[in-house]
Amino acid sequence: MAMYNRGLKDSYIEMGVEYVEIVGDAECGGICLDYVDGEPIRIADAEINVELPPYHPNCACSFVAWEETEVVENPEE
């Protein structure tokens, strides 16, 4: 998983992605609970096995590109 995530990180940086979000099953417990919080992480500064998964053996967490979006309260108005 670590090698896959290193490749994914490099690909995101190559595509110009600046931030990522950790995705995973927060119900798995353990250290993952500290990371699956929806907060963006600056990918250029993040390290695999530290800020980016895997965090432990058999970790199923991953990360996806994150982009700030504007929330529209009432789109019909």
N, C-alpha and C. Protein backbone atom coordinates (compact mmCIF):
# COMPACT_ATOMS: atom_id res chain seq x y z
N MET A 1 0.82 -1.18 0.00
CA MET A 1 0.00 0.00 0.00
C MET A 1 0.87 1.26 0.00
N ALA A 2 1.98 1.22 0.70
CA ALA A 2 2.84 2.40 0.78
C ALA A 2 3.38 2.77 -0.60
N MET A 3 3.77 1.79 -1.40
CA MET A 3 4.30 2.07 -2.73
C MET A 3 3.21 2.65 -3.63
N TYR A 4 2.00 2.10 -3.55
CA TYR A 4 0.88 2.62 -4.32
C TYR A 4 0.63 4.08 -3.96
N ASN A 5 0.61 4.38 -2.65
CA ASN A 5 0.34 5.75 -2.21
C ASN A 5 1.46 6.71 -2.59
N ARG A 6 2.70 6.23 -2.66
CA ARG A 6 3.80 7.08 -3.13
C ARG A 6 3.57 7.46 -4.60
N GLY A 7 3.15 6.48 -5.40
CA GLY A 7 2.84 6.75 -6.80
C GLY A 7 1.66 7.69 -6.95
N LEU A 8 0.65 7.49 -6.13
CA LEU A 8 -0.54 8.35 -6.16
C LEU A 8 -0.17 9.78 -5.78
N LYS A 9 0.64 9.93 -4.76
CA LYS A 9 1.09 11.26 -4.33
C LYS A 9 1.85 11.95 -5.47
N ASP A 10 2.79 11.24 -6.09
CA ASP A 10 3.56 11.81 -7.19
C ASP A 10 2.65 12.21 -8.35
N SER A 11 1.66 11.39 -8.65
CA SER A 11 0.72 11.68 -9.74
C SER A 11 -0.10 12.93 -9.43
N TYR A 12 -0.59 13.03 -8.20
CA TYR A 12 -1.36 14.21 -7.82
C TYR A 12 -0.52 15.47 -7.93
N ILE A 13 0.72 15.42 -7.47
CA ILE A 13 1.60 16.59 -7.55
C ILE A 13 1.83 16.96 -9.01
N GLU A 14 2.05 15.96 -9.86
CA GLU A 14 2.25 16.19 -11.29
C GLU A 14 1.04 16.85 -11.94
N MET A 15 -0.16 16.51 -11.47
CA MET A 15 -1.39 17.07 -12.02
C MET A 15 -1.74 18.42 -11.43
N GLY A 16 -0.96 18.89 -10.46
CA GLY A 16 -1.20 20.20 -9.88
C GLY A 16 -2.11 20.20 -8.66
N VAL A 17 -2.43 19.03 -8.14
CA VAL A 17 -3.26 18.95 -6.93
C VAL A 17 -2.44 19.48 -5.76
N GLU A 18 -3.03 20.40 -5.00
CA GLU A 18 -2.32 20.98 -3.86
C GLU A 18 -2.70 20.36 -2.52
N TYR A 19 -3.96 19.95 -2.40
CA TYR A 19 -4.44 19.39 -1.14
C TYR A 19 -5.15 18.06 -1.36
N VAL A 20 -5.07 17.19 -0.36
CA VAL A 20 -5.78 15.91 -0.38
C VAL A 20 -6.54 15.75 0.93
N GLU A 21 -7.48 14.83 0.90
CA GLU A 21 -8.27 14.50 2.08
C GLU A 21 -8.14 12.99 2.31
N ILE A 22 -7.98 12.60 3.54
CA ILE A 22 -7.88 11.18 3.89
C ILE A 22 -9.28 10.59 3.90
N VAL A 23 -9.42 9.44 3.26
CA VAL A 23 -10.70 8.72 3.28
C VAL A 23 -10.45 7.33 3.82
N GLY A 24 -11.39 6.86 4.58
CA GLY A 24 -11.27 5.53 5.16
C GLY A 24 -12.45 5.28 6.07
N ASP A 25 -12.41 4.15 6.71
CA ASP A 25 -13.48 3.76 7.62
C ASP A 25 -13.09 4.17 9.04
N ALA A 26 -13.65 5.26 9.51
CA ALA A 26 -13.32 5.75 10.85
C ALA A 26 -13.73 4.76 11.93
N GLU A 27 -14.62 3.83 11.59
CA GLU A 27 -15.06 2.85 12.56
C GLU A 27 -14.02 1.77 12.81
N CYS A 28 -12.96 1.74 12.00
CA CYS A 28 -11.93 0.72 12.22
C CYS A 28 -11.16 0.99 13.50
N GLY A 29 -11.23 2.24 13.98
CA GLY A 29 -10.58 2.58 15.24
C GLY A 29 -9.10 2.80 15.06
N GLY A 30 -8.40 2.78 16.15
CA GLY A 30 -6.95 2.93 16.11
C GLY A 30 -6.51 4.30 15.66
N ILE A 31 -5.32 4.36 15.13
CA ILE A 31 -4.70 5.61 14.73
C ILE A 31 -5.46 6.30 13.59
N CYS A 32 -6.21 5.55 12.80
CA CYS A 32 -6.94 6.12 11.66
C CYS A 32 -7.91 7.21 12.09
N LEU A 33 -8.46 7.08 13.28
CA LEU A 33 -9.41 8.07 13.76
C LEU A 33 -8.81 9.47 13.81
N ASP A 34 -7.51 9.56 13.98
CA ASP A 34 -6.84 10.86 14.03
C ASP A 34 -6.74 11.52 12.66
N TYR A 35 -6.91 10.76 11.59
CA TYR A 35 -6.68 11.27 10.24
C TYR A 35 -7.94 11.38 9.38
N VAL A 36 -8.92 10.53 9.61
CA VAL A 36 -10.15 10.54 8.81
C VAL A 36 -11.09 11.59 9.41
N ASP A 37 -10.77 12.86 9.13
CA ASP A 37 -11.53 13.95 9.74
C ASP A 37 -12.02 14.98 8.73
N GLY A 38 -11.73 14.77 7.45
CA GLY A 38 -12.21 15.69 6.42
C GLY A 38 -11.36 16.93 6.25
N GLU A 39 -10.30 17.06 7.02
CA GLU A 39 -9.43 18.23 6.92
C GLU A 39 -8.46 18.07 5.75
N PRO A 40 -8.26 19.12 4.96
CA PRO A 40 -7.31 19.03 3.84
C PRO A 40 -5.87 19.01 4.34
N ILE A 41 -5.03 18.29 3.60
CA ILE A 41 -3.61 18.19 3.91
C ILE A 41 -2.84 18.65 2.68
N ARG A 42 -1.88 19.53 2.87
CA ARG A 42 -1.04 19.99 1.75
C ARG A 42 -0.15 18.83 1.32
N ILE A 43 -0.35 18.35 0.11
CA ILE A 43 0.29 17.12 -0.33
C ILE A 43 1.81 17.26 -0.50
N ALA A 44 2.28 18.43 -0.92
CA ALA A 44 3.71 18.61 -1.14
C ALA A 44 4.51 18.43 0.14
N ASP A 45 3.93 18.76 1.28
CA ASP A 45 4.62 18.67 2.57
C ASP A 45 4.37 17.36 3.31
N ALA A 46 3.43 16.57 2.83
CA ALA A 46 3.01 15.36 3.54
C ALA A 46 3.90 14.17 3.21
N GLU A 47 4.13 13.33 4.22
CA GLU A 47 4.94 12.14 4.03
C GLU A 47 4.06 10.89 4.17
N ILE A 48 4.38 9.89 3.34
CA ILE A 48 3.71 8.59 3.45
C ILE A 48 4.08 7.99 4.79
N ASN A 49 3.15 7.34 5.45
CA ASN A 49 3.29 6.70 6.76
C ASN A 49 3.33 7.71 7.91
N VAL A 50 3.20 9.00 7.60
CA VAL A 50 3.16 10.01 8.66
C VAL A 50 1.84 10.77 8.52
N GLU A 51 1.77 11.69 7.56
CA GLU A 51 0.51 12.41 7.33
C GLU A 51 -0.39 11.68 6.35
N LEU A 52 0.19 10.88 5.46
CA LEU A 52 -0.57 10.12 4.47
C LEU A 52 -0.50 8.63 4.78
N PRO A 53 -1.56 7.88 4.47
CA PRO A 53 -1.56 6.45 4.77
C PRO A 53 -0.58 5.68 3.90
N PRO A 54 -0.26 4.47 4.33
CA PRO A 54 -0.83 3.69 5.43
C PRO A 54 -0.25 4.11 6.78
N TYR A 55 -1.11 4.02 7.80
CA TYR A 55 -0.72 4.41 9.14
C TYR A 55 -0.33 3.22 10.01
N HIS A 56 -0.74 2.04 9.60
CA HIS A 56 -0.47 0.82 10.37
C HIS A 56 -0.59 -0.37 9.43
N PRO A 57 -0.10 -1.55 9.81
CA PRO A 57 -0.28 -2.73 8.97
C PRO A 57 -1.77 -2.97 8.70
N ASN A 58 -2.09 -3.35 7.48
CA ASN A 58 -3.46 -3.62 7.05
C ASN A 58 -4.34 -2.37 7.00
N CYS A 59 -3.75 -1.19 6.96
CA CYS A 59 -4.50 0.05 6.87
C CYS A 59 -5.23 0.11 5.53
N ALA A 60 -6.51 0.45 5.57
CA ALA A 60 -7.32 0.53 4.35
C ALA A 60 -7.60 1.97 3.95
N CYS A 61 -7.01 2.93 4.64
CA CYS A 61 -7.22 4.33 4.31
C CYS A 61 -6.52 4.69 3.00
N SER A 62 -7.01 5.72 2.37
CA SER A 62 -6.40 6.26 1.16
C SER A 62 -6.58 7.77 1.19
N PHE A 63 -6.25 8.43 0.09
CA PHE A 63 -6.47 9.87 0.03
C PHE A 63 -6.93 10.25 -1.37
N VAL A 64 -7.71 11.32 -1.42
CA VAL A 64 -8.28 11.81 -2.68
C VAL A 64 -7.99 13.29 -2.80
N ALA A 65 -8.02 13.79 -4.03
CA ALA A 65 -7.80 15.21 -4.27
C ALA A 65 -8.88 16.00 -3.56
N TRP A 66 -8.49 17.11 -2.96
CA TRP A 66 -9.42 17.98 -2.24
C TRP A 66 -9.39 19.34 -2.91
N GLU A 67 -10.58 19.88 -3.12
CA GLU A 67 -10.69 21.21 -3.70
C GLU A 67 -11.74 21.98 -2.94
N GLU A 68 -11.42 23.21 -2.57
CA GLU A 68 -12.38 24.02 -1.83
C GLU A 68 -13.54 24.38 -2.76
N THR A 69 -14.74 24.20 -2.28
CA THR A 69 -15.93 24.53 -3.06
C THR A 69 -16.83 25.45 -2.23
N GLU A 70 -17.62 26.19 -2.93
CA GLU A 70 -18.56 27.08 -2.28
C GLU A 70 -19.89 26.35 -2.10
N VAL A 71 -20.41 26.37 -0.90
CA VAL A 71 -21.69 25.73 -0.62
C VAL A 71 -22.81 26.72 -0.88
N VAL A 72 -23.77 26.31 -1.69
CA VAL A 72 -24.91 27.16 -2.00
C VAL A 72 -26.07 26.71 -1.12
N GLU A 73 -26.54 27.62 -0.26
CA GLU A 73 -27.60 27.31 0.69
C GLU A 73 -28.92 26.96 0.00
N ASN A 74 -29.42 27.88 -0.85
CA ASN A 74 -30.70 27.67 -1.53
C ASN A 74 -30.48 27.93 -3.03
N PRO A 75 -30.11 26.92 -3.78
CA PRO A 75 -29.79 27.11 -5.19
C PRO A 75 -30.96 27.57 -6.05
N GLU A 76 -32.19 27.37 -5.58
CA GLU A 76 -33.37 27.74 -6.37
C GLU A 76 -33.74 29.21 -6.22
N GLU A 77 -33.18 29.89 -5.26
CA GLU A 77 -33.56 31.29 -5.02
C GLU A 77 -32.77 32.23 -5.91
